[in-house]
N, C-alpha and C. Protein backbone atom coordinates (compact mmCIF):
# COMPACT_ATOMS: atom_id res chain seq x y z
N MET A 1 -9.79 -4.58 14.40
CA MET A 1 -9.37 -4.08 12.82
C MET A 1 -9.72 -4.56 11.97
N GLU A 2 -10.54 -3.77 10.95
CA GLU A 2 -11.07 -3.85 9.62
C GLU A 2 -10.34 -3.59 8.54
N VAL A 3 -9.53 -4.26 7.39
CA VAL A 3 -9.01 -3.99 6.44
C VAL A 3 -10.18 -4.19 5.14
N ALA A 4 -10.05 -3.47 4.60
CA ALA A 4 -10.51 -3.68 3.17
C ALA A 4 -9.45 -3.54 2.38
N ILE A 5 -9.26 -4.90 1.21
CA ILE A 5 -8.18 -5.33 0.46
C ILE A 5 -8.82 -5.17 -1.15
N VAL A 6 -8.41 -4.10 -1.83
CA VAL A 6 -8.90 -4.21 -2.88
C VAL A 6 -7.38 -4.22 -4.49
N SER A 7 -8.09 -3.96 -5.60
CA SER A 7 -7.18 -3.88 -6.42
C SER A 7 -7.79 -3.86 -7.44
N ASP A 8 -6.94 -3.69 -8.71
CA ASP A 8 -7.13 -3.41 -10.43
C ASP A 8 -8.55 -2.81 -10.67
N THR A 9 -8.81 -1.36 -9.80
CA THR A 9 -10.16 -0.95 -10.59
C THR A 9 -10.11 -0.19 -11.84
N HIS A 10 -8.97 -0.34 -12.47
CA HIS A 10 -8.77 0.63 -13.84
C HIS A 10 -9.98 1.00 -14.47
N VAL A 11 -10.00 2.18 -13.51
CA VAL A 11 -10.87 3.65 -13.73
C VAL A 11 -10.07 4.41 -14.15
N PRO A 12 -10.73 5.05 -15.64
CA PRO A 12 -11.82 4.53 -16.49
C PRO A 12 -11.33 4.09 -17.75
N SER A 13 -10.06 3.32 -17.82
CA SER A 13 -9.49 2.66 -18.93
C SER A 13 -10.81 1.18 -18.94
N ARG A 14 -11.25 0.92 -18.15
CA ARG A 14 -11.80 -0.33 -18.67
C ARG A 14 -13.49 -0.45 -17.82
N ILE A 15 -13.29 0.64 -16.58
CA ILE A 15 -14.86 0.67 -16.19
C ILE A 15 -14.94 2.17 -15.88
N ASP A 16 -15.99 2.50 -15.90
CA ASP A 16 -16.30 3.87 -15.28
C ASP A 16 -16.42 4.36 -13.97
N ARG A 17 -16.69 3.60 -12.98
CA ARG A 17 -16.33 3.64 -11.30
C ARG A 17 -16.56 2.93 -10.46
N ILE A 18 -16.05 2.71 -9.44
CA ILE A 18 -16.06 1.83 -8.34
C ILE A 18 -17.73 1.97 -7.86
N PRO A 19 -17.96 0.38 -7.91
CA PRO A 19 -19.42 0.52 -7.38
C PRO A 19 -19.76 0.97 -5.90
N ASP A 20 -20.72 1.08 -5.88
CA ASP A 20 -21.06 1.91 -4.32
C ASP A 20 -20.99 0.66 -3.82
N TRP A 21 -21.27 -0.50 -3.40
CA TRP A 21 -20.88 -1.45 -2.64
C TRP A 21 -19.53 -1.74 -2.21
N VAL A 22 -18.75 -1.71 -2.77
CA VAL A 22 -17.08 -1.31 -2.62
C VAL A 22 -16.92 -0.15 -2.00
N ARG A 23 -17.53 1.09 -2.64
CA ARG A 23 -17.33 1.96 -1.98
C ARG A 23 -17.67 2.27 -0.16
N ASP A 24 -18.85 1.79 0.11
CA ASP A 24 -18.91 1.77 1.32
C ASP A 24 -18.34 0.66 2.29
N ARG A 25 -17.99 -0.31 1.50
CA ARG A 25 -16.89 -0.93 2.78
C ARG A 25 -15.57 -0.60 2.75
N MET A 26 -15.10 0.14 1.73
CA MET A 26 -13.56 0.72 1.58
C MET A 26 -14.04 2.13 2.70
N ARG A 27 -15.30 3.06 2.85
CA ARG A 27 -15.67 3.86 3.69
C ARG A 27 -15.73 3.23 5.23
N ALA A 28 -16.08 2.02 5.32
CA ALA A 28 -16.34 1.86 6.52
C ALA A 28 -15.28 1.23 7.40
N ALA A 29 -14.18 0.84 6.37
CA ALA A 29 -12.80 0.02 6.99
C ALA A 29 -11.95 1.21 7.80
N ASP A 30 -11.42 0.39 8.61
CA ASP A 30 -10.00 1.08 9.72
C ASP A 30 -9.07 1.55 8.64
N HIS A 31 -8.73 0.60 7.68
CA HIS A 31 -7.93 0.96 7.22
C HIS A 31 -7.91 0.12 5.49
N VAL A 32 -7.70 0.69 4.27
CA VAL A 32 -7.83 0.11 2.74
C VAL A 32 -6.20 -0.05 2.30
N VAL A 33 -6.40 -1.12 1.70
CA VAL A 33 -5.01 -1.55 1.31
C VAL A 33 -5.42 -1.54 -0.21
N HIS A 34 -4.50 -0.91 -1.48
CA HIS A 34 -5.15 -0.98 -2.71
C HIS A 34 -3.67 -1.82 -3.51
N ALA A 35 -3.55 -2.72 -4.05
CA ALA A 35 -2.85 -3.41 -4.62
C ALA A 35 -2.10 -2.93 -6.06
N GLY A 36 -2.84 -1.97 -6.71
CA GLY A 36 -2.38 -1.21 -7.87
C GLY A 36 -3.49 -1.57 -9.06
N ASP A 37 -3.26 -0.93 -10.03
CA ASP A 37 -3.54 -0.94 -11.28
C ASP A 37 -5.06 0.21 -10.91
N PHE A 38 -4.85 1.48 -10.31
CA PHE A 38 -5.88 2.47 -10.27
C PHE A 38 -6.23 2.66 -11.37
N ASP A 39 -5.06 3.30 -12.67
CA ASP A 39 -5.40 3.52 -13.95
C ASP A 39 -5.54 4.99 -14.11
N SER A 40 -5.43 5.94 -12.99
CA SER A 40 -5.54 7.25 -13.04
C SER A 40 -5.49 7.80 -11.90
N ALA A 41 -5.04 8.97 -12.51
CA ALA A 41 -5.10 10.00 -10.95
C ALA A 41 -6.28 9.97 -10.33
N GLU A 42 -7.26 10.33 -10.90
CA GLU A 42 -9.17 10.52 -10.45
C GLU A 42 -9.09 9.09 -9.60
N ALA A 43 -8.98 8.25 -10.32
CA ALA A 43 -9.25 6.83 -9.06
C ALA A 43 -8.38 6.70 -8.47
N LEU A 44 -7.51 7.14 -8.03
CA LEU A 44 -6.50 6.97 -6.77
C LEU A 44 -6.86 8.27 -6.16
N ALA A 45 -7.67 9.49 -6.32
CA ALA A 45 -7.69 10.46 -5.60
C ALA A 45 -9.13 9.67 -4.89
N THR A 46 -10.21 9.17 -5.62
CA THR A 46 -11.64 8.83 -4.84
C THR A 46 -11.06 7.80 -4.02
N VAL A 47 -9.93 6.64 -4.28
CA VAL A 47 -9.78 5.56 -2.86
C VAL A 47 -9.23 6.68 -1.86
N GLU A 48 -8.34 7.69 -2.40
CA GLU A 48 -7.80 8.16 -0.96
C GLU A 48 -9.12 8.87 -0.39
N ASP A 49 -9.88 9.52 -1.05
CA ASP A 49 -11.25 10.03 -0.69
C ASP A 49 -11.94 8.88 0.70
N LEU A 50 -12.18 8.02 0.00
CA LEU A 50 -12.99 6.77 0.89
C LEU A 50 -12.31 6.12 2.03
N ALA A 51 -10.92 5.97 2.04
CA ALA A 51 -9.99 5.45 2.73
C ALA A 51 -9.67 6.34 3.97
N SER A 52 -10.17 6.12 5.34
CA SER A 52 -9.82 6.54 6.22
C SER A 52 -8.26 6.76 6.60
N ASP A 53 -7.41 5.57 5.94
CA ASP A 53 -6.32 5.16 6.16
C ASP A 53 -6.00 4.59 4.80
N LEU A 54 -4.82 4.51 4.01
CA LEU A 54 -4.95 4.08 2.97
C LEU A 54 -3.06 3.27 2.65
N THR A 55 -2.69 2.53 2.22
CA THR A 55 -1.66 1.80 1.68
C THR A 55 -1.80 1.43 0.41
N ALA A 56 -1.21 1.97 -0.33
CA ALA A 56 -1.20 1.51 -1.79
C ALA A 56 -0.24 1.28 -2.83
N VAL A 57 0.00 0.79 -3.82
CA VAL A 57 0.97 0.41 -4.65
C VAL A 57 0.98 1.05 -6.03
N SER A 58 1.77 0.78 -6.90
CA SER A 58 1.66 0.98 -8.18
C SER A 58 1.31 -0.05 -9.02
N GLY A 59 0.60 -0.33 -9.84
CA GLY A 59 0.33 -1.18 -10.93
C GLY A 59 1.02 -1.08 -12.19
N ASN A 60 0.99 -1.99 -13.31
CA ASN A 60 1.56 -2.07 -14.57
C ASN A 60 0.93 -0.97 -15.32
N THR A 61 -0.34 -0.25 -14.89
CA THR A 61 -0.88 0.71 -15.29
C THR A 61 -0.81 2.19 -14.99
N ASP A 62 -0.06 2.24 -13.88
CA ASP A 62 -0.32 3.69 -12.98
C ASP A 62 0.93 4.31 -13.21
N VAL A 63 1.42 4.77 -14.32
CA VAL A 63 2.35 5.35 -14.91
C VAL A 63 2.34 6.92 -14.21
N GLY A 64 3.13 7.32 -13.70
CA GLY A 64 3.21 8.82 -13.17
C GLY A 64 2.19 9.20 -11.86
N LEU A 65 1.87 8.13 -11.07
CA LEU A 65 1.01 8.42 -10.31
C LEU A 65 1.48 8.70 -8.81
N GLY A 66 2.92 8.28 -8.83
CA GLY A 66 4.12 8.49 -7.76
C GLY A 66 4.07 7.11 -6.82
N LEU A 67 3.29 6.18 -6.92
CA LEU A 67 3.43 5.24 -5.99
C LEU A 67 4.35 4.12 -6.00
N SER A 68 4.74 3.61 -4.73
CA SER A 68 6.11 2.56 -4.89
C SER A 68 5.60 1.44 -5.46
N ALA A 69 6.61 0.29 -5.80
CA ALA A 69 5.93 -0.84 -6.16
C ALA A 69 5.58 -1.76 -5.05
N VAL A 70 6.53 -1.66 -3.82
CA VAL A 70 5.98 -2.33 -2.53
C VAL A 70 5.98 -1.22 -1.48
N GLU A 71 5.13 -1.97 -0.89
CA GLU A 71 4.72 -1.02 0.58
C GLU A 71 4.54 -1.99 1.95
N THR A 72 5.15 -1.81 2.93
CA THR A 72 4.64 -2.68 3.93
C THR A 72 3.93 -1.80 5.03
N VAL A 73 3.17 -2.56 5.74
CA VAL A 73 2.40 -1.53 6.91
C VAL A 73 2.07 -2.77 7.95
N THR A 74 2.06 -2.64 9.49
CA THR A 74 1.72 -3.59 10.30
C THR A 74 0.07 -2.89 10.61
N LEU A 75 -0.82 -4.07 10.73
CA LEU A 75 -2.16 -3.48 11.06
C LEU A 75 -2.99 -4.91 11.90
N GLY A 76 -2.75 -4.18 13.34
CA GLY A 76 -3.18 -5.22 14.11
C GLY A 76 -2.49 -6.57 14.21
N GLY A 77 -0.88 -6.28 14.07
CA GLY A 77 0.15 -7.13 15.01
C GLY A 77 0.17 -7.69 13.93
N ALA A 78 -0.59 -7.51 12.51
CA ALA A 78 0.18 -8.32 11.35
C ALA A 78 1.06 -7.42 10.38
N GLU A 79 1.93 -7.98 9.25
CA GLU A 79 2.50 -7.02 8.73
C GLU A 79 2.15 -7.70 7.30
N PHE A 80 1.50 -6.66 6.62
CA PHE A 80 1.39 -6.76 4.99
C PHE A 80 2.14 -5.96 4.36
N VAL A 81 2.60 -7.16 3.20
CA VAL A 81 3.61 -6.46 2.21
C VAL A 81 2.69 -6.53 1.06
N VAL A 82 2.42 -5.45 0.47
CA VAL A 82 1.49 -5.40 -0.67
C VAL A 82 2.36 -4.77 -2.01
N THR A 83 2.30 -5.50 -2.74
CA THR A 83 2.83 -5.23 -4.33
C THR A 83 1.85 -5.73 -5.39
N HIS A 84 1.99 -5.25 -6.93
CA HIS A 84 0.65 -5.71 -7.78
C HIS A 84 1.27 -6.80 -8.15
N GLY A 85 2.40 -7.27 -8.56
CA GLY A 85 2.63 -8.69 -8.75
C GLY A 85 2.81 -8.89 -10.48
N THR A 86 2.97 -8.01 -11.23
CA THR A 86 3.02 -7.45 -12.22
C THR A 86 4.13 -8.90 -12.96
N GLY A 87 3.79 -9.09 -14.38
CA GLY A 87 4.53 -10.35 -14.78
C GLY A 87 3.51 -10.86 -15.29
N SER A 88 4.33 -12.25 -15.80
CA SER A 88 3.52 -13.46 -16.61
C SER A 88 2.59 -14.08 -15.42
N PRO A 89 1.34 -14.83 -15.44
CA PRO A 89 0.49 -15.56 -14.94
C PRO A 89 1.56 -16.78 -14.75
N VAL A 90 2.41 -17.51 -15.20
CA VAL A 90 3.41 -18.44 -15.12
C VAL A 90 4.09 -17.92 -13.73
N GLY A 91 4.25 -18.63 -12.80
CA GLY A 91 4.95 -18.11 -11.51
C GLY A 91 4.99 -17.28 -10.65
N TYR A 92 3.66 -16.66 -10.92
CA TYR A 92 2.80 -15.38 -10.49
C TYR A 92 2.90 -15.71 -8.92
N GLU A 93 2.51 -16.85 -8.19
CA GLU A 93 2.46 -16.75 -6.72
C GLU A 93 3.72 -17.14 -6.24
N GLU A 94 4.52 -17.67 -6.91
CA GLU A 94 6.11 -18.03 -6.28
C GLU A 94 7.13 -16.05 -6.52
N ARG A 95 6.48 -15.41 -7.70
CA ARG A 95 7.17 -14.34 -7.76
C ARG A 95 6.73 -13.38 -6.33
N VAL A 96 5.29 -13.90 -6.23
CA VAL A 96 5.18 -12.46 -5.39
C VAL A 96 5.25 -13.17 -4.27
N ALA A 97 5.53 -14.36 -3.88
CA ALA A 97 6.08 -14.82 -2.44
C ALA A 97 7.77 -14.30 -2.16
N GLU A 98 8.52 -14.22 -3.21
CA GLU A 98 9.58 -14.22 -3.14
C GLU A 98 9.57 -12.53 -2.71
N THR A 99 8.83 -11.63 -3.46
CA THR A 99 8.78 -10.31 -3.06
C THR A 99 8.52 -10.16 -1.35
N VAL A 100 7.22 -10.84 -1.29
CA VAL A 100 6.83 -10.88 0.36
C VAL A 100 8.13 -11.08 1.08
N ARG A 101 8.90 -12.31 0.95
CA ARG A 101 9.66 -12.55 1.47
C ARG A 101 11.04 -11.62 1.90
N ASP A 102 11.31 -11.24 0.79
CA ASP A 102 12.00 -9.69 0.51
C ASP A 102 11.70 -8.83 1.41
N HIS A 103 10.73 -8.24 1.86
CA HIS A 103 10.36 -6.92 2.43
C HIS A 103 9.63 -7.39 3.82
N ALA A 104 9.95 -8.79 4.00
CA ALA A 104 8.98 -8.95 5.40
C ALA A 104 9.74 -8.92 6.18
N GLY A 105 9.22 -8.30 7.92
CA GLY A 105 10.27 -8.38 9.27
C GLY A 105 10.17 -9.45 9.92
N ALA A 106 10.06 -9.48 10.82
CA ALA A 106 10.01 -11.23 11.94
C ALA A 106 8.39 -10.79 12.20
N GLY A 107 7.73 -11.84 12.65
CA GLY A 107 6.51 -12.03 12.75
C GLY A 107 5.36 -12.13 11.84
N PRO A 108 3.96 -12.56 12.27
CA PRO A 108 3.08 -12.88 11.35
C PRO A 108 3.13 -11.72 10.07
N THR A 109 2.98 -12.66 8.78
CA THR A 109 3.18 -11.58 7.51
C THR A 109 2.40 -11.95 6.65
N VAL A 110 1.58 -11.41 6.10
CA VAL A 110 0.82 -11.49 4.82
C VAL A 110 1.13 -10.82 3.35
N GLY A 111 1.39 -11.61 2.34
CA GLY A 111 1.13 -10.75 0.88
C GLY A 111 -0.19 -10.76 0.28
N VAL A 112 -0.01 -9.40 0.11
CA VAL A 112 -1.26 -8.62 -0.99
C VAL A 112 -0.57 -8.27 -2.33
N ALA A 113 -1.63 -8.89 -3.16
CA ALA A 113 -0.81 -8.71 -4.81
C ALA A 113 -2.44 -8.54 -5.91
N GLY A 114 -2.27 -7.99 -6.42
CA GLY A 114 -3.18 -7.84 -7.60
C GLY A 114 -2.99 -8.54 -8.99
N HIS A 115 -3.41 -7.87 -10.05
CA HIS A 115 -2.71 -8.04 -11.54
C HIS A 115 -3.60 -9.28 -12.14
N THR A 116 -3.76 -10.36 -11.79
CA THR A 116 -4.42 -11.49 -12.16
C THR A 116 -6.22 -11.40 -12.05
N HIS A 117 -6.54 -10.08 -11.80
CA HIS A 117 -8.40 -10.25 -11.48
C HIS A 117 -8.91 -11.23 -11.04
N ARG A 118 -8.03 -12.33 -10.36
CA ARG A 118 -9.07 -13.32 -9.77
C ARG A 118 -8.31 -13.50 -8.41
N VAL A 119 -9.57 -13.92 -7.18
CA VAL A 119 -9.32 -13.93 -6.04
C VAL A 119 -8.61 -15.38 -5.76
N LEU A 120 -7.71 -15.00 -4.77
CA LEU A 120 -6.29 -16.07 -4.17
C LEU A 120 -6.60 -15.89 -2.41
N ASP A 121 -6.33 -16.93 -1.89
CA ASP A 121 -5.95 -17.00 -0.42
C ASP A 121 -5.26 -18.20 -0.23
N THR A 122 -4.30 -18.18 -0.58
CA THR A 122 -3.65 -19.74 -0.49
C THR A 122 -1.86 -19.38 0.67
N VAL A 123 -1.44 -20.32 0.49
CA VAL A 123 0.19 -20.29 0.86
C VAL A 123 0.99 -20.83 -0.09
N THR A 124 1.97 -19.74 -0.57
CA THR A 124 3.01 -20.74 -1.30
C THR A 124 4.23 -20.48 -0.85
N ASP A 125 5.13 -21.33 -0.83
CA ASP A 125 6.42 -21.43 -0.38
C ASP A 125 6.59 -20.76 1.73
N GLY A 126 5.06 -21.11 2.10
CA GLY A 126 5.39 -20.39 3.33
C GLY A 126 5.05 -19.34 3.74
N VAL A 127 4.40 -18.45 2.27
CA VAL A 127 3.62 -16.93 2.63
C VAL A 127 2.27 -17.50 2.37
N ARG A 128 1.41 -16.59 3.11
CA ARG A 128 0.47 -16.45 2.88
C ARG A 128 -0.11 -15.62 1.84
N LEU A 129 -0.65 -15.52 0.94
CA LEU A 129 -0.94 -14.73 -0.41
C LEU A 129 -2.47 -14.14 -0.33
N LEU A 130 -2.48 -13.05 -0.61
CA LEU A 130 -3.81 -12.93 -0.77
C LEU A 130 -4.04 -11.79 -2.13
N ASN A 131 -5.28 -11.96 -3.23
CA ASN A 131 -5.34 -11.66 -4.27
C ASN A 131 -6.80 -10.86 -3.95
N PRO A 132 -7.37 -9.89 -4.29
CA PRO A 132 -8.80 -9.43 -3.96
C PRO A 132 -9.41 -9.50 -5.34
N GLY A 133 -8.70 -9.79 -6.42
CA GLY A 133 -9.43 -10.02 -7.47
C GLY A 133 -9.83 -8.39 -8.31
N SER A 134 -10.95 -7.98 -8.79
CA SER A 134 -10.75 -6.63 -9.35
C SER A 134 -12.50 -5.75 -8.68
N ALA A 135 -11.46 -4.95 -8.26
CA ALA A 135 -12.78 -3.95 -6.90
C ALA A 135 -13.81 -3.11 -8.27
N THR A 136 -14.02 -3.37 -9.50
CA THR A 136 -15.00 -3.12 -10.50
C THR A 136 -15.20 -3.86 -11.36
N GLY A 137 -14.64 -5.28 -11.30
CA GLY A 137 -15.03 -6.43 -12.28
C GLY A 137 -14.50 -5.99 -13.47
N ALA A 138 -13.33 -5.34 -13.86
CA ALA A 138 -12.91 -5.31 -14.89
C ALA A 138 -12.41 -6.17 -15.52
N PRO A 139 -12.11 -6.36 -16.76
CA PRO A 139 -11.99 -7.57 -17.72
C PRO A 139 -10.45 -7.78 -17.58
N PRO A 140 -10.00 -8.84 -17.25
CA PRO A 140 -10.90 -10.37 -17.68
C PRO A 140 -11.67 -10.82 -16.64
N ALA A 141 -11.83 -10.02 -15.13
CA ALA A 141 -12.57 -10.65 -14.28
C ALA A 141 -14.38 -10.24 -14.73
N THR A 142 -14.96 -11.42 -14.52
CA THR A 142 -16.32 -11.52 -14.58
C THR A 142 -17.55 -10.93 -13.36
N GLN A 143 -16.44 -10.95 -12.08
CA GLN A 143 -17.38 -10.65 -11.29
C GLN A 143 -16.65 -9.47 -10.46
N VAL A 144 -17.36 -8.57 -9.64
CA VAL A 144 -16.52 -7.59 -9.02
C VAL A 144 -16.18 -8.44 -7.22
N THR A 145 -14.77 -7.95 -7.49
CA THR A 145 -14.51 -8.69 -6.04
C THR A 145 -13.86 -7.98 -5.17
N MET A 146 -13.96 -8.23 -3.83
CA MET A 146 -12.89 -7.33 -2.81
C MET A 146 -12.93 -8.59 -1.36
N LEU A 147 -11.51 -8.10 -0.97
CA LEU A 147 -11.85 -8.93 0.47
C LEU A 147 -11.73 -7.63 1.75
N THR A 148 -12.36 -8.44 2.70
CA THR A 148 -12.07 -7.85 3.98
C THR A 148 -11.42 -8.73 4.90
N ALA A 149 -10.56 -8.27 5.64
CA ALA A 149 -9.67 -9.11 6.65
C ALA A 149 -10.18 -8.05 7.97
N THR A 150 -10.15 -9.19 8.72
CA THR A 150 -10.38 -8.81 10.77
C THR A 150 -9.06 -9.14 11.02
N VAL A 151 -8.17 -8.52 11.83
CA VAL A 151 -6.97 -8.52 12.31
C VAL A 151 -6.77 -8.34 13.70
N GLU A 152 -6.27 -9.23 14.22
CA GLU A 152 -6.54 -9.00 15.51
C GLU A 152 -4.97 -9.89 16.45
N ASP A 153 -4.23 -9.11 16.86
CA ASP A 153 -3.43 -9.53 17.78
C ASP A 153 -2.43 -10.69 16.63
N GLY A 154 -2.32 -9.79 15.45
CA GLY A 154 -1.47 -10.98 14.62
C GLY A 154 -2.43 -11.77 13.38
N ALA A 155 -3.07 -12.17 14.18
CA ALA A 155 -4.17 -13.47 13.72
C ALA A 155 -5.00 -12.52 12.44
N VAL A 156 -5.51 -13.24 11.38
CA VAL A 156 -5.66 -12.71 10.18
C VAL A 156 -7.01 -13.29 9.50
N SER A 157 -8.16 -12.74 9.27
CA SER A 157 -9.14 -13.72 9.04
C SER A 157 -9.75 -13.18 7.68
N VAL A 158 -9.80 -13.68 6.86
CA VAL A 158 -10.30 -13.05 5.68
C VAL A 158 -11.59 -13.46 5.21
N ARG A 159 -12.37 -12.48 4.31
CA ARG A 159 -13.71 -12.89 3.73
C ARG A 159 -13.89 -12.32 2.26
N VAL A 160 -14.43 -12.72 1.30
CA VAL A 160 -14.39 -12.72 -0.01
C VAL A 160 -15.99 -11.82 -0.16
N HIS A 161 -16.23 -11.35 -0.90
CA HIS A 161 -17.29 -10.44 -1.24
C HIS A 161 -17.12 -10.29 -2.74
N GLU A 162 -18.55 -11.09 -3.27
CA GLU A 162 -18.30 -10.89 -4.58
C GLU A 162 -19.65 -10.76 -5.44
N ARG A 163 -19.76 -9.79 -6.45
CA ARG A 163 -21.25 -9.59 -6.89
C ARG A 163 -21.08 -9.48 -8.46
N GLU A 164 -22.38 -9.80 -9.07
CA GLU A 164 -22.10 -9.67 -10.49
C GLU A 164 -21.77 -7.93 -10.90
N ARG A 165 -21.14 -8.10 -12.06
CA ARG A 165 -20.49 -6.90 -12.59
C ARG A 165 -21.95 -5.81 -12.98
């Protein structure tokens, strides 16, 4: 199973649109995970149209979009706990790892969060955390970034995709 992982699109407040190459990867994926900060109902609708199946959460700029703060989804035998990661950069990884632990079931679990606009693939307090950066290169990001994950029998292999804004 191929999963496109994106976050922090910030359309239209910081960027006009999601780049075509990001759109193509979302369209081709079996599932899309968006870790918040769409910025508008139009941006959410665009991602919903591109995704054959979508798991999305609310970011700190997503007022009134009706999205949850945390969602869980099982894909290819691995559970993904998705949250935005809102708050201070200090303690970010520990805060997200705690949210993941609070919502995870048994078995392989991966945490997905955004907010920082920086790509991350690390293990914190025993929890694998992924942050795809910004799918539009919205400031403070300097590049457009996203992740794709191949998930099979609970094993998650992640690839970073990045291009200049």
